[in-house]
Amino acid sequence: MPQIICPTCHQTFASEKTSAMPFCSVRCQRIDLGRWLNEEQGLPCEPEDIDEDEGIQEYSTN
């Protein structure tokens, strides 16, 4: 029986005894979802390179 560590509460549990894989319980699954929805967690991203000529528009005053 493989033992897994819950990413939310860090408790060791048997993978066969949960319906909320990879979490140990539905409660931990919902806590994790709440963290994503509140933007406490997210995927790392790098800012896009913006071409200086494209990103700036010049306005002339006549």
C-alpha atoms as a PDB file:
ATOM      1  CA  MET A   1       0.000   0.000   0.000  1.00  0.00           C
ATOM      2  CA  PRO A   2       1.821   3.190  -1.201  1.00  0.00           C
ATOM      3  CA  GLN A   3       2.032   6.050   1.263  1.00  0.00           C
ATOM      4  CA  ILE A   4       1.690   9.599  -0.080  1.00  0.00           C
ATOM      5  CA  ILE A   5       2.202  12.974   1.610  1.00  0.00           C
ATOM      6  CA  CYS A   6      -0.701  15.404   1.333  1.00  0.00           C
ATOM      7  CA  PRO A   7       0.486  18.685  -0.264  1.00  0.00           C
ATOM      8  CA  THR A   8      -1.817  20.723   2.007  1.00  0.00           C
ATOM      9  CA  CYS A   9      -1.433  19.291   5.523  1.00  0.00           C
ATOM     10  CA  HIS A  10       1.729  17.205   4.904  1.00  0.00           C
ATOM     11  CA  GLN A  11       0.152  14.157   6.551  1.00  0.00           C
ATOM     12  CA  THR A  12       1.078  10.684   5.263  1.00  0.00           C
ATOM     13  CA  PHE A  13      -1.888   8.662   3.980  1.00  0.00           C
ATOM     14  CA  ALA A  14      -2.696   5.575   1.909  1.00  0.00           C
ATOM     15  CA  SER A  15      -3.631   6.460  -1.663  1.00  0.00           C
ATOM     16  CA  GLU A  16      -6.361   3.798  -1.753  1.00  0.00           C
ATOM     17  CA  LYS A  17      -8.272   5.411   1.120  1.00  0.00           C
ATOM     18  CA  THR A  18      -9.059   8.789  -0.425  1.00  0.00           C
ATOM     19  CA  SER A  19     -11.275   9.976  -3.236  1.00  0.00           C
ATOM     20  CA  ALA A  20      -9.498  13.339  -3.377  1.00  0.00           C
ATOM     21  CA  MET A  21      -6.087  12.359  -4.759  1.00  0.00           C
ATOM     22  CA  PRO A  22      -3.444  13.738  -4.354  1.00  0.00           C
ATOM     23  CA  PHE A  23      -4.953  15.111  -1.140  1.00  0.00           C
ATOM     24  CA  CYS A  24      -5.733  13.114   1.988  1.00  0.00           C
ATOM     25  CA  SER A  25      -9.284  14.489   2.209  1.00  0.00           C
ATOM     26  CA  VAL A  26     -11.850  16.649   0.445  1.00  0.00           C
ATOM     27  CA  ARG A  27     -11.153  19.309   3.090  1.00  0.00           C
ATOM     28  CA  CYS A  28      -7.480  19.558   2.059  1.00  0.00           C
ATOM     29  CA  GLN A  29      -8.531  19.580  -1.590  1.00  0.00           C
ATOM     30  CA  ARG A  30     -10.852  22.558  -0.954  1.00  0.00           C
ATOM     31  CA  ILE A  31      -8.201  24.407   1.055  1.00  0.00           C
ATOM     32  CA  ASP A  32      -5.845  24.065  -1.904  1.00  0.00           C
ATOM     33  CA  LEU A  33      -8.541  25.261  -4.326  1.00  0.00           C
ATOM     34  CA  GLY A  34      -9.179  28.277  -2.099  1.00  0.00           C
ATOM     35  CA  ARG A  35      -5.492  29.174  -2.182  1.00  0.00           C
ATOM     36  CA  TRP A  36      -5.516  29.112  -5.991  1.00  0.00           C
ATOM     37  CA  LEU A  37      -8.725  31.150  -6.222  1.00  0.00           C
ATOM     38  CA  ASN A  38      -7.410  33.744  -3.746  1.00  0.00           C
ATOM     39  CA  GLU A  39      -4.213  33.909  -5.822  1.00  0.00           C
ATOM     40  CA  GLU A  40      -2.085  32.828  -2.860  1.00  0.00           C
ATOM     41  CA  GLN A  41      -0.643  30.208  -5.205  1.00  0.00           C
ATOM     42  CA  GLY A  42      -0.025  30.430  -8.913  1.00  0.00           C
ATOM     43  CA  LEU A  43       2.158  29.336 -11.761  1.00  0.00           C
ATOM     44  CA  PRO A  44       5.374  31.249 -12.241  1.00  0.00           C
ATOM     45  CA  CYS A  45       5.470  33.305 -15.397  1.00  0.00           C
ATOM     46  CA  GLU A  46       8.000  35.495 -17.087  1.00  0.00           C
ATOM     47  CA  PRO A  47       6.934  38.840 -18.515  1.00  0.00           C
ATOM     48  CA  GLU A  48       6.646  38.945 -22.274  1.00  0.00           C
ATOM     49  CA  ASP A  49       9.268  40.889 -24.162  1.00  0.00           C
ATOM     50  CA  ILE A  50       7.669  44.034 -25.530  1.00  0.00           C
ATOM     51  CA  ASP A  51       9.227  45.588 -28.574  1.00  0.00           C
ATOM     52  CA  GLU A  52       9.881  49.220 -27.708  1.00  0.00           C
ATOM     53  CA  ASP A  53       8.679  50.430 -31.108  1.00  0.00           C
ATOM     54  CA  GLU A  54       5.408  48.511 -30.857  1.00  0.00           C
ATOM     55  CA  GLY A  55       4.621  49.334 -27.223  1.00  0.00           C
ATOM     56  CA  ILE A  56       4.878  53.103 -27.482  1.00  0.00           C
ATOM     57  CA  GLN A  57       2.641  55.318 -29.595  1.00  0.00           C
ATOM     58  CA  GLU A  58       3.639  58.902 -30.161  1.00  0.00           C
ATOM     59  CA  TYR A  59       1.016  61.619 -30.441  1.00  0.00           C
ATOM     60  CA  SER A  60       1.764  64.863 -32.159  1.00  0.00           C
ATOM     61  CA  THR A  61       0.118  68.092 -31.110  1.00  0.00           C
ATOM     62  CA  ASN A  62      -0.545  70.565 -33.912  1.00  0.00           C
END
